[in-house]
Amino acid sequence: MNEEIQFIIDSAIEKMDSAIHHLEAEFVNIRAGKATPSMLSSVKVEYYGALTPLSQVANVNTMDAHTITVQPWEKQLIPEIEKGIMNANLGFNPSNNGESVIINVPILTEERRRDLAKQAKSEGENAKVSIRNDRKEANNELKKLDISEDMLNNSEQDVQDLTDKYIKKVDALYVVKEKEIMTV
């Protein structure tokens, strides 16, 4: 019987870990103040008829804190890369010098920083909702088992402890991201 309980708890841990990983990925897409190659991670480029991630057709680097350079492996891709960056709707205006695409990352205004902090908070809340849904699912699975009331209560308490631990992780990640966003 304990194996079934452990399986349900392990499954809940796996799902809660997944929520944390998703949150971290979402936080990477929320830009703070300085330019990073990961800002372009969502950009897809038309390459021989297929949409291909930018990182597979070019080198993406930062020249300084406010400039990203994209060096395509084939020069004829420059217009497609510019189009892909515009289509990704990241708020960047790419330009090219015939050799590479250059993106100037504008300095964030105070209002924009607040908006990004709100967006980060919203992503954090979504992660918490996901974690709470995982808790509910685990508790429902535990109730289906033919176990004593005490075992059920103990197992539900274990799931609640897990939930609390993961909610604290979400809060900690948000605090770090908010500080990163609000730092000028």
N, C-alpha and C. Protein backbone atom coordinates (compact mmCIF):
# COMPACT_ATOMS: atom_id res chain seq x y z
N MET A 1 0.83 -1.19 0.00
CA MET A 1 0.00 0.00 0.00
C MET A 1 0.88 1.26 0.00
N ASN A 2 1.99 1.22 0.74
CA ASN A 2 2.86 2.38 0.80
C ASN A 2 3.46 2.73 -0.56
N GLU A 3 3.64 1.70 -1.40
CA GLU A 3 4.20 1.95 -2.73
C GLU A 3 3.27 2.81 -3.56
N GLU A 4 1.95 2.56 -3.42
CA GLU A 4 0.98 3.37 -4.18
C GLU A 4 1.00 4.82 -3.70
N ILE A 5 1.07 4.99 -2.38
CA ILE A 5 1.12 6.34 -1.82
C ILE A 5 2.39 7.04 -2.30
N GLN A 6 3.52 6.35 -2.24
CA GLN A 6 4.79 6.94 -2.67
C GLN A 6 4.75 7.30 -4.15
N PHE A 7 4.11 6.44 -4.95
CA PHE A 7 4.00 6.72 -6.39
C PHE A 7 3.22 8.01 -6.63
N ILE A 8 2.12 8.20 -5.90
CA ILE A 8 1.29 9.40 -6.05
C ILE A 8 2.09 10.64 -5.63
N ILE A 9 2.82 10.52 -4.52
CA ILE A 9 3.62 11.66 -4.05
C ILE A 9 4.76 11.97 -5.03
N ASP A 10 5.42 10.93 -5.53
CA ASP A 10 6.49 11.14 -6.53
C ASP A 10 5.95 11.81 -7.79
N SER A 11 4.76 11.39 -8.19
CA SER A 11 4.12 11.98 -9.36
C SER A 11 3.83 13.46 -9.13
N ALA A 12 3.35 13.78 -7.92
CA ALA A 12 3.08 15.18 -7.58
C ALA A 12 4.37 16.00 -7.60
N ILE A 13 5.46 15.44 -7.07
CA ILE A 13 6.75 16.13 -7.07
C ILE A 13 7.18 16.42 -8.51
N GLU A 14 7.03 15.44 -9.38
CA GLU A 14 7.42 15.59 -10.77
C GLU A 14 6.63 16.73 -11.44
N LYS A 15 5.33 16.76 -11.18
CA LYS A 15 4.47 17.79 -11.78
C LYS A 15 4.81 19.17 -11.21
N MET A 16 5.09 19.25 -9.92
CA MET A 16 5.43 20.53 -9.30
C MET A 16 6.78 21.03 -9.80
N ASP A 17 7.73 20.09 -9.99
CA ASP A 17 9.03 20.46 -10.58
C ASP A 17 8.82 21.03 -11.98
N SER A 18 7.92 20.41 -12.72
CA SER A 18 7.62 20.87 -14.07
C SER A 18 7.07 22.30 -14.04
N ALA A 19 6.23 22.61 -13.07
CA ALA A 19 5.69 23.97 -12.95
C ALA A 19 6.81 24.97 -12.67
N ILE A 20 7.77 24.58 -11.82
CA ILE A 20 8.90 25.46 -11.51
C ILE A 20 9.76 25.68 -12.77
N HIS A 21 10.02 24.61 -13.52
CA HIS A 21 10.83 24.74 -14.74
C HIS A 21 10.14 25.63 -15.76
N HIS A 22 8.83 25.48 -15.87
CA HIS A 22 8.07 26.32 -16.80
C HIS A 22 8.17 27.79 -16.37
N LEU A 23 8.05 28.04 -15.07
CA LEU A 23 8.15 29.41 -14.56
C LEU A 23 9.52 29.99 -14.88
N GLU A 24 10.58 29.21 -14.65
CA GLU A 24 11.93 29.69 -14.94
C GLU A 24 12.08 30.04 -16.42
N ALA A 25 11.49 29.21 -17.29
CA ALA A 25 11.55 29.48 -18.73
C ALA A 25 10.79 30.75 -19.07
N GLU A 26 9.66 30.97 -18.44
CA GLU A 26 8.88 32.19 -18.67
C GLU A 26 9.65 33.42 -18.18
N PHE A 27 10.32 33.29 -17.05
CA PHE A 27 11.09 34.41 -16.50
C PHE A 27 12.26 34.78 -17.42
N VAL A 28 12.83 33.81 -18.12
CA VAL A 28 13.92 34.11 -19.05
C VAL A 28 13.42 35.03 -20.16
N ASN A 29 12.15 34.83 -20.57
CA ASN A 29 11.60 35.63 -21.66
C ASN A 29 11.21 37.04 -21.23
N ILE A 30 11.14 37.28 -19.93
CA ILE A 30 10.84 38.63 -19.45
C ILE A 30 12.17 39.34 -19.28
N ARG A 31 12.42 40.29 -20.14
CA ARG A 31 13.74 40.92 -20.13
C ARG A 31 13.87 41.92 -19.00
N ALA A 32 15.03 41.94 -18.43
CA ALA A 32 15.31 42.93 -17.38
C ALA A 32 15.96 44.12 -18.08
N GLY A 33 17.07 44.56 -17.65
CA GLY A 33 17.66 45.76 -18.23
C GLY A 33 18.65 45.53 -19.34
N LYS A 34 19.42 44.45 -19.27
CA LYS A 34 20.51 44.34 -20.24
C LYS A 34 20.24 43.26 -21.28
N ALA A 35 20.91 43.41 -22.39
CA ALA A 35 20.73 42.51 -23.53
C ALA A 35 21.35 41.14 -23.25
N THR A 36 20.62 40.09 -23.61
CA THR A 36 21.14 38.73 -23.52
C THR A 36 20.69 37.96 -24.77
N PRO A 37 21.51 37.01 -25.23
CA PRO A 37 21.11 36.22 -26.39
C PRO A 37 19.79 35.47 -26.19
N SER A 38 19.47 35.13 -24.94
CA SER A 38 18.24 34.37 -24.68
C SER A 38 16.99 35.18 -25.01
N MET A 39 17.12 36.51 -25.14
CA MET A 39 15.97 37.34 -25.52
C MET A 39 15.41 36.93 -26.88
N LEU A 40 16.27 36.35 -27.71
CA LEU A 40 15.85 35.96 -29.06
C LEU A 40 15.55 34.46 -29.15
N SER A 41 15.41 33.80 -28.02
CA SER A 41 15.20 32.35 -28.04
C SER A 41 13.89 31.95 -28.69
N SER A 42 12.90 32.85 -28.72
CA SER A 42 11.61 32.51 -29.32
C SER A 42 11.55 32.82 -30.82
N VAL A 43 12.60 33.39 -31.37
CA VAL A 43 12.60 33.80 -32.78
C VAL A 43 12.77 32.59 -33.69
N LYS A 44 11.89 32.51 -34.69
CA LYS A 44 11.97 31.45 -35.71
C LYS A 44 12.22 32.13 -37.05
N VAL A 45 13.04 31.47 -37.89
CA VAL A 45 13.42 32.03 -39.18
C VAL A 45 13.04 31.04 -40.28
N GLU A 46 12.53 31.58 -41.38
CA GLU A 46 12.21 30.75 -42.55
C GLU A 46 13.53 30.32 -43.18
N TYR A 47 13.80 29.00 -43.17
CA TYR A 47 15.08 28.49 -43.67
C TYR A 47 14.79 27.28 -44.53
N TYR A 48 14.97 27.42 -45.83
CA TYR A 48 14.67 26.37 -46.81
C TYR A 48 13.26 25.81 -46.60
N GLY A 49 12.30 26.73 -46.43
CA GLY A 49 10.89 26.34 -46.36
C GLY A 49 10.41 25.88 -44.99
N ALA A 50 11.28 25.85 -44.00
CA ALA A 50 10.86 25.40 -42.66
C ALA A 50 11.18 26.48 -41.63
N LEU A 51 10.30 26.63 -40.64
CA LEU A 51 10.58 27.57 -39.55
C LEU A 51 11.63 26.93 -38.63
N THR A 52 12.74 27.61 -38.48
CA THR A 52 13.88 27.08 -37.74
C THR A 52 14.25 28.07 -36.63
N PRO A 53 14.60 27.56 -35.44
CA PRO A 53 15.04 28.48 -34.38
C PRO A 53 16.26 29.28 -34.82
N LEU A 54 16.28 30.55 -34.44
CA LEU A 54 17.37 31.45 -34.84
C LEU A 54 18.74 30.88 -34.48
N SER A 55 18.83 30.24 -33.31
CA SER A 55 20.13 29.73 -32.85
C SER A 55 20.69 28.63 -33.76
N GLN A 56 19.84 28.07 -34.65
CA GLN A 56 20.31 27.01 -35.54
C GLN A 56 20.77 27.53 -36.90
N VAL A 57 20.60 28.85 -37.13
CA VAL A 57 21.03 29.41 -38.42
C VAL A 57 22.01 30.57 -38.25
N ALA A 58 22.29 30.94 -36.98
CA ALA A 58 23.17 32.08 -36.76
C ALA A 58 23.76 32.04 -35.36
N ASN A 59 24.87 32.79 -35.19
CA ASN A 59 25.44 33.00 -33.86
C ASN A 59 24.80 34.24 -33.27
N VAL A 60 24.32 34.13 -32.03
CA VAL A 60 23.70 35.27 -31.35
C VAL A 60 24.59 35.65 -30.18
N ASN A 61 25.06 36.90 -30.17
CA ASN A 61 25.96 37.38 -29.12
C ASN A 61 25.56 38.78 -28.66
N THR A 62 26.15 39.20 -27.56
CA THR A 62 25.94 40.58 -27.11
C THR A 62 27.25 41.33 -27.26
N MET A 63 27.16 42.52 -27.86
CA MET A 63 28.34 43.37 -28.00
C MET A 63 28.58 44.13 -26.71
N ASP A 64 27.49 44.67 -26.14
CA ASP A 64 27.56 45.38 -24.87
C ASP A 64 26.21 45.19 -24.17
N ALA A 65 25.97 45.93 -23.12
CA ALA A 65 24.76 45.73 -22.31
C ALA A 65 23.47 46.08 -23.06
N HIS A 66 23.57 46.79 -24.18
CA HIS A 66 22.37 47.20 -24.89
C HIS A 66 22.36 46.83 -26.37
N THR A 67 23.26 45.95 -26.79
CA THR A 67 23.34 45.58 -28.21
C THR A 67 23.49 44.07 -28.38
N ILE A 68 22.61 43.51 -29.21
CA ILE A 68 22.69 42.09 -29.56
C ILE A 68 23.08 42.02 -31.03
N THR A 69 24.04 41.13 -31.34
CA THR A 69 24.40 40.92 -32.74
C THR A 69 24.02 39.51 -33.15
N VAL A 70 23.53 39.39 -34.37
CA VAL A 70 23.17 38.09 -34.93
C VAL A 70 23.99 37.91 -36.20
N GLN A 71 24.91 36.96 -36.16
CA GLN A 71 25.80 36.69 -37.29
C GLN A 71 25.29 35.44 -38.01
N PRO A 72 24.58 35.61 -39.15
CA PRO A 72 24.05 34.43 -39.85
C PRO A 72 25.17 33.63 -40.51
N TRP A 73 24.93 32.34 -40.64
CA TRP A 73 25.92 31.48 -41.29
C TRP A 73 25.87 31.63 -42.81
N GLU A 74 24.73 32.10 -43.30
CA GLU A 74 24.58 32.38 -44.73
C GLU A 74 24.06 33.80 -44.87
N LYS A 75 24.77 34.66 -45.60
CA LYS A 75 24.42 36.08 -45.68
C LYS A 75 23.02 36.33 -46.25
N GLN A 76 22.55 35.44 -47.14
CA GLN A 76 21.23 35.67 -47.73
C GLN A 76 20.10 35.50 -46.71
N LEU A 77 20.41 35.05 -45.50
CA LEU A 77 19.40 34.90 -44.45
C LEU A 77 19.11 36.20 -43.70
N ILE A 78 19.91 37.23 -43.91
CA ILE A 78 19.75 38.47 -43.15
C ILE A 78 18.32 39.02 -43.23
N PRO A 79 17.70 39.14 -44.42
CA PRO A 79 16.31 39.64 -44.44
C PRO A 79 15.34 38.73 -43.69
N GLU A 80 15.54 37.42 -43.79
CA GLU A 80 14.67 36.47 -43.09
C GLU A 80 14.83 36.59 -41.57
N ILE A 81 16.06 36.82 -41.13
CA ILE A 81 16.31 36.99 -39.69
C ILE A 81 15.63 38.26 -39.19
N GLU A 82 15.77 39.35 -39.97
CA GLU A 82 15.09 40.60 -39.58
C GLU A 82 13.58 40.39 -39.51
N LYS A 83 13.03 39.70 -40.49
CA LYS A 83 11.59 39.43 -40.53
C LYS A 83 11.17 38.57 -39.33
N GLY A 84 11.99 37.57 -39.01
CA GLY A 84 11.69 36.69 -37.87
C GLY A 84 11.69 37.44 -36.55
N ILE A 85 12.63 38.37 -36.40
CA ILE A 85 12.71 39.17 -35.17
C ILE A 85 11.48 40.08 -35.06
N MET A 86 11.08 40.68 -36.18
CA MET A 86 9.90 41.54 -36.17
C MET A 86 8.64 40.72 -35.88
N ASN A 87 8.53 39.53 -36.48
CA ASN A 87 7.35 38.68 -36.28
C ASN A 87 7.26 38.14 -34.86
N ALA A 88 8.40 38.03 -34.17
CA ALA A 88 8.39 37.52 -32.79
C ALA A 88 7.78 38.53 -31.83
N ASN A 89 7.59 39.77 -32.31
CA ASN A 89 6.91 40.80 -31.54
C ASN A 89 7.58 41.04 -30.18
N LEU A 90 8.89 41.21 -30.21
CA LEU A 90 9.66 41.44 -28.98
C LEU A 90 9.88 42.93 -28.70
N GLY A 91 9.45 43.78 -29.63
CA GLY A 91 9.64 45.21 -29.44
C GLY A 91 11.01 45.70 -29.89
N PHE A 92 11.69 44.90 -30.71
CA PHE A 92 13.02 45.28 -31.19
C PHE A 92 12.92 45.71 -32.65
N ASN A 93 13.79 46.66 -33.04
CA ASN A 93 13.90 47.08 -34.44
C ASN A 93 15.28 46.68 -34.94
N PRO A 94 15.38 45.54 -35.63
CA PRO A 94 16.69 45.11 -36.11
C PRO A 94 17.17 45.95 -37.29
N SER A 95 18.47 46.08 -37.40
CA SER A 95 19.08 46.72 -38.56
C SER A 95 20.24 45.84 -38.99
N ASN A 96 20.72 46.03 -40.22
CA ASN A 96 21.85 45.20 -40.64
C ASN A 96 22.91 46.05 -41.31
N ASN A 97 24.12 45.53 -41.27
CA ASN A 97 25.25 46.23 -41.88
C ASN A 97 25.78 45.44 -43.08
N GLY A 98 24.97 44.52 -43.60
CA GLY A 98 25.38 43.70 -44.73
C GLY A 98 26.06 42.41 -44.30
N GLU A 99 26.60 42.38 -43.11
CA GLU A 99 27.29 41.21 -42.58
C GLU A 99 26.49 40.53 -41.48
N SER A 100 25.83 41.34 -40.64
CA SER A 100 25.10 40.81 -39.49
C SER A 100 23.90 41.69 -39.16
N VAL A 101 23.04 41.17 -38.30
CA VAL A 101 21.88 41.92 -37.85
C VAL A 101 22.22 42.48 -36.47
N ILE A 102 21.93 43.76 -36.28
CA ILE A 102 22.24 44.43 -35.02
C ILE A 102 20.93 44.88 -34.38
N ILE A 103 20.79 44.59 -33.10
CA ILE A 103 19.58 44.97 -32.38
C ILE A 103 19.99 45.82 -31.19
N ASN A 104 19.49 47.04 -31.14
CA ASN A 104 19.71 47.91 -29.99
C ASN A 104 18.56 47.69 -29.02
N VAL A 105 18.88 47.23 -27.82
CA VAL A 105 17.87 46.98 -26.79
C VAL A 105 17.66 48.28 -26.03
N PRO A 106 16.45 48.87 -26.14
CA PRO A 106 16.24 50.14 -25.47
C PRO A 106 16.28 50.01 -23.95
N ILE A 107 16.70 51.08 -23.29
CA ILE A 107 16.71 51.12 -21.83
C ILE A 107 15.27 51.17 -21.36
N LEU A 108 14.94 50.40 -20.34
CA LEU A 108 13.57 50.33 -19.85
C LEU A 108 13.19 51.58 -19.06
N THR A 109 11.97 52.05 -19.30
CA THR A 109 11.44 53.16 -18.51
C THR A 109 10.89 52.58 -17.20
N GLU A 110 10.66 53.45 -16.23
CA GLU A 110 10.12 53.03 -14.94
C GLU A 110 8.77 52.34 -15.12
N GLU A 111 7.92 52.91 -15.99
CA GLU A 111 6.59 52.34 -16.24
C GLU A 111 6.71 50.94 -16.85
N ARG A 112 7.62 50.80 -17.80
CA ARG A 112 7.82 49.50 -18.45
C ARG A 112 8.34 48.48 -17.44
N ARG A 113 9.22 48.91 -16.54
CA ARG A 113 9.73 48.01 -15.50
C ARG A 113 8.59 47.51 -14.62
N ARG A 114 7.68 48.42 -14.25
CA ARG A 114 6.53 48.02 -13.43
C ARG A 114 5.67 47.01 -14.18
N ASP A 115 5.45 47.26 -15.47
CA ASP A 115 4.65 46.34 -16.28
C ASP A 115 5.30 44.95 -16.33
N LEU A 116 6.62 44.93 -16.50
CA LEU A 116 7.34 43.65 -16.54
C LEU A 116 7.28 42.95 -15.19
N ALA A 117 7.34 43.71 -14.10
CA ALA A 117 7.23 43.13 -12.76
C ALA A 117 5.83 42.52 -12.58
N LYS A 118 4.81 43.21 -13.08
CA LYS A 118 3.44 42.68 -13.01
C LYS A 118 3.33 41.39 -13.83
N GLN A 119 3.96 41.39 -14.99
CA GLN A 119 3.94 40.20 -15.84
C GLN A 119 4.63 39.03 -15.12
N ALA A 120 5.74 39.31 -14.46
CA ALA A 120 6.45 38.27 -13.71
C ALA A 120 5.58 37.76 -12.56
N LYS A 121 4.90 38.67 -11.87
CA LYS A 121 4.02 38.28 -10.77
C LYS A 121 2.90 37.38 -11.29
N SER A 122 2.35 37.74 -12.44
CA SER A 122 1.29 36.95 -13.06
C SER A 122 1.78 35.54 -13.39
N GLU A 123 2.99 35.45 -13.94
CA GLU A 123 3.55 34.12 -14.24
C GLU A 123 3.75 33.32 -12.95
N GLY A 124 4.18 34.00 -11.89
CA GLY A 124 4.33 33.34 -10.59
C GLY A 124 3.00 32.82 -10.07
N GLU A 125 1.96 33.61 -10.21
CA GLU A 125 0.62 33.19 -9.78
C GLU A 125 0.14 31.99 -10.58
N ASN A 126 0.42 32.00 -11.89
CA ASN A 126 0.05 30.85 -12.73
C ASN A 126 0.75 29.58 -12.26
N ALA A 127 2.03 29.71 -11.89
CA ALA A 127 2.77 28.56 -11.39
C ALA A 127 2.17 28.06 -10.07
N LYS A 128 1.77 28.99 -9.20
CA LYS A 128 1.15 28.59 -7.93
C LYS A 128 -0.16 27.85 -8.17
N VAL A 129 -0.97 28.33 -9.11
CA VAL A 129 -2.23 27.67 -9.43
C VAL A 129 -1.96 26.25 -9.94
N SER A 130 -0.95 26.12 -10.78
CA SER A 130 -0.58 24.80 -11.30
C SER A 130 -0.17 23.87 -10.17
N ILE A 131 0.62 24.38 -9.23
CA ILE A 131 1.08 23.57 -8.10
C ILE A 131 -0.11 23.16 -7.23
N ARG A 132 -1.02 24.09 -7.01
CA ARG A 132 -2.21 23.76 -6.19
C ARG A 132 -3.09 22.73 -6.90
N ASN A 133 -3.17 22.82 -8.22
CA ASN A 133 -3.92 21.81 -8.98
C ASN A 133 -3.27 20.44 -8.85
N ASP A 134 -1.94 20.43 -8.84
CA ASP A 134 -1.21 19.17 -8.65
C ASP A 134 -1.50 18.59 -7.27
N ARG A 135 -1.59 19.45 -6.27
CA ARG A 135 -1.93 19.01 -4.91
C ARG A 135 -3.33 18.39 -4.89
N LYS A 136 -4.27 19.08 -5.51
CA LYS A 136 -5.66 18.59 -5.54
C LYS A 136 -5.73 17.23 -6.23
N GLU A 137 -5.03 17.11 -7.34
CA GLU A 137 -5.01 15.85 -8.09
C GLU A 137 -4.41 14.72 -7.23
N ALA A 138 -3.32 15.01 -6.54
CA ALA A 138 -2.69 14.00 -5.69
C ALA A 138 -3.63 13.58 -4.55
N ASN A 139 -4.27 14.58 -3.93
CA ASN A 139 -5.20 14.26 -2.84
C ASN A 139 -6.38 13.42 -3.33
N ASN A 140 -6.87 13.72 -4.52
CA ASN A 140 -7.97 12.93 -5.08
C ASN A 140 -7.53 11.49 -5.33
N GLU A 141 -6.30 11.33 -5.82
CA GLU A 141 -5.77 9.97 -6.05
C GLU A 141 -5.61 9.23 -4.72
N LEU A 142 -5.17 9.93 -3.69
CA LEU A 142 -5.00 9.31 -2.38
C LEU A 142 -6.34 8.84 -1.82
N LYS A 143 -7.38 9.62 -2.03
CA LYS A 143 -8.71 9.28 -1.52
C LYS A 143 -9.28 8.04 -2.19
N LYS A 144 -8.82 7.76 -3.41
CA LYS A 144 -9.30 6.58 -4.14
C LYS A 144 -8.70 5.29 -3.58
N LEU A 145 -7.56 5.42 -2.87
CA LEU A 145 -6.90 4.23 -2.32
C LEU A 145 -7.68 3.68 -1.13
N ASP A 146 -7.54 2.38 -0.93
CA ASP A 146 -8.21 1.73 0.20
C ASP A 146 -7.21 1.71 1.37
N ILE A 147 -7.13 2.88 2.07
CA ILE A 147 -6.19 3.00 3.19
C ILE A 147 -6.93 3.55 4.41
N SER A 148 -6.30 3.41 5.56
CA SER A 148 -6.92 3.88 6.80
C SER A 148 -6.99 5.41 6.81
N GLU A 149 -7.87 5.93 7.65
CA GLU A 149 -8.06 7.38 7.78
C GLU A 149 -6.76 8.07 8.19
N ASP A 150 -6.02 7.44 9.13
CA ASP A 150 -4.75 8.00 9.59
C ASP A 150 -3.73 8.07 8.46
N MET A 151 -3.62 7.00 7.67
CA MET A 151 -2.68 7.00 6.54
C MET A 151 -3.06 8.07 5.53
N LEU A 152 -4.36 8.20 5.29
CA LEU A 152 -4.83 9.20 4.35
C LEU A 152 -4.47 10.61 4.84
N ASN A 153 -4.73 10.88 6.11
CA ASN A 153 -4.42 12.20 6.68
C ASN A 153 -2.92 12.48 6.63
N ASN A 154 -2.11 11.48 6.98
CA ASN A 154 -0.65 11.65 6.93
C ASN A 154 -0.17 11.91 5.51
N SER A 155 -0.73 11.18 4.55
CA SER A 155 -0.33 11.34 3.15
C SER A 155 -0.75 12.71 2.63
N GLU A 156 -1.96 13.13 3.00
CA GLU A 156 -2.41 14.45 2.56
C GLU A 156 -1.55 15.55 3.18
N GLN A 157 -1.10 15.34 4.41
CA GLN A 157 -0.22 16.31 5.05
C GLN A 157 1.13 16.37 4.32
N ASP A 158 1.63 15.20 3.89
CA ASP A 158 2.88 15.17 3.12
C ASP A 158 2.73 15.97 1.82
N VAL A 159 1.59 15.79 1.15
CA VAL A 159 1.34 16.51 -0.10
C VAL A 159 1.24 18.01 0.18
N GLN A 160 0.61 18.39 1.29
CA GLN A 160 0.49 19.80 1.65
C GLN A 160 1.87 20.40 1.94
N ASP A 161 2.71 19.64 2.64
CA ASP A 161 4.07 20.11 2.92
C ASP A 161 4.84 20.35 1.62
N LEU A 162 4.68 19.43 0.66
CA LEU A 162 5.30 19.59 -0.65
C LEU A 162 4.81 20.86 -1.33
N THR A 163 3.49 21.05 -1.28
CA THR A 163 2.89 22.22 -1.91
C THR A 163 3.47 23.50 -1.31
N ASP A 164 3.54 23.55 0.01
CA ASP A 164 4.09 24.73 0.68
C ASP A 164 5.53 24.99 0.24
N LYS A 165 6.32 23.92 0.14
CA LYS A 165 7.72 24.04 -0.26
C LYS A 165 7.83 24.63 -1.68
N TYR A 166 6.99 24.14 -2.60
CA TYR A 166 7.06 24.62 -3.98
C TYR A 166 6.51 26.03 -4.12
N ILE A 167 5.51 26.39 -3.34
CA ILE A 167 4.98 27.76 -3.35
C ILE A 167 6.08 28.72 -2.89
N LYS A 168 6.85 28.31 -1.86
CA LYS A 168 7.96 29.14 -1.39
C LYS A 168 9.02 29.31 -2.48
N LYS A 169 9.26 28.24 -3.27
CA LYS A 169 10.22 28.33 -4.38
C LYS A 169 9.75 29.36 -5.40
N VAL A 170 8.45 29.33 -5.71
CA VAL A 170 7.89 30.28 -6.67
C VAL A 170 8.08 31.71 -6.15
N ASP A 171 7.76 31.92 -4.88
CA ASP A 171 7.92 33.25 -4.28
C ASP A 171 9.37 33.71 -4.34
N ALA A 172 10.30 32.81 -4.05
CA ALA A 172 11.72 33.16 -4.07
C ALA A 172 12.17 33.52 -5.49
N LEU A 173 11.72 32.75 -6.47
CA LEU A 173 12.07 33.06 -7.86
C LEU A 173 11.52 34.41 -8.28
N TYR A 174 10.29 34.70 -7.85
CA TYR A 174 9.69 35.99 -8.20
C TYR A 174 10.46 37.15 -7.57
N VAL A 175 10.84 37.02 -6.31
CA VAL A 175 11.57 38.09 -5.64
C VAL A 175 12.87 38.40 -6.39
N VAL A 176 13.57 37.35 -6.80
CA VAL A 176 14.83 37.55 -7.55
C VAL A 176 14.55 38.24 -8.88
N LYS A 177 13.52 37.78 -9.59
CA LYS A 177 13.21 38.36 -10.90
C LYS A 177 12.75 39.80 -10.76
N GLU A 178 11.93 40.09 -9.76
CA GLU A 178 11.46 41.46 -9.55
C GLU A 178 12.65 42.39 -9.29
N LYS A 179 13.57 41.94 -8.45
CA LYS A 179 14.75 42.75 -8.15
C LYS A 179 15.56 43.01 -9.42
N GLU A 180 15.71 41.96 -10.24
CA GLU A 180 16.45 42.07 -11.50
C GLU A 180 15.76 43.09 -12.44
N ILE A 181 14.44 43.04 -12.49
CA ILE A 181 13.69 43.95 -13.37
C ILE A 181 13.77 45.39 -12.88
N MET A 182 13.62 45.58 -11.58
CA MET A 182 13.53 46.93 -11.03
C MET A 182 14.89 47.61 -10.86
N THR A 183 15.98 46.85 -10.95
CA THR A 183 17.32 47.43 -10.83
C THR A 183 17.68 48.14 -12.12
N VAL A 184 18.03 49.41 -11.98
CA VAL A 184 18.35 50.21 -13.19
C VAL A 184 19.80 50.02 -13.56
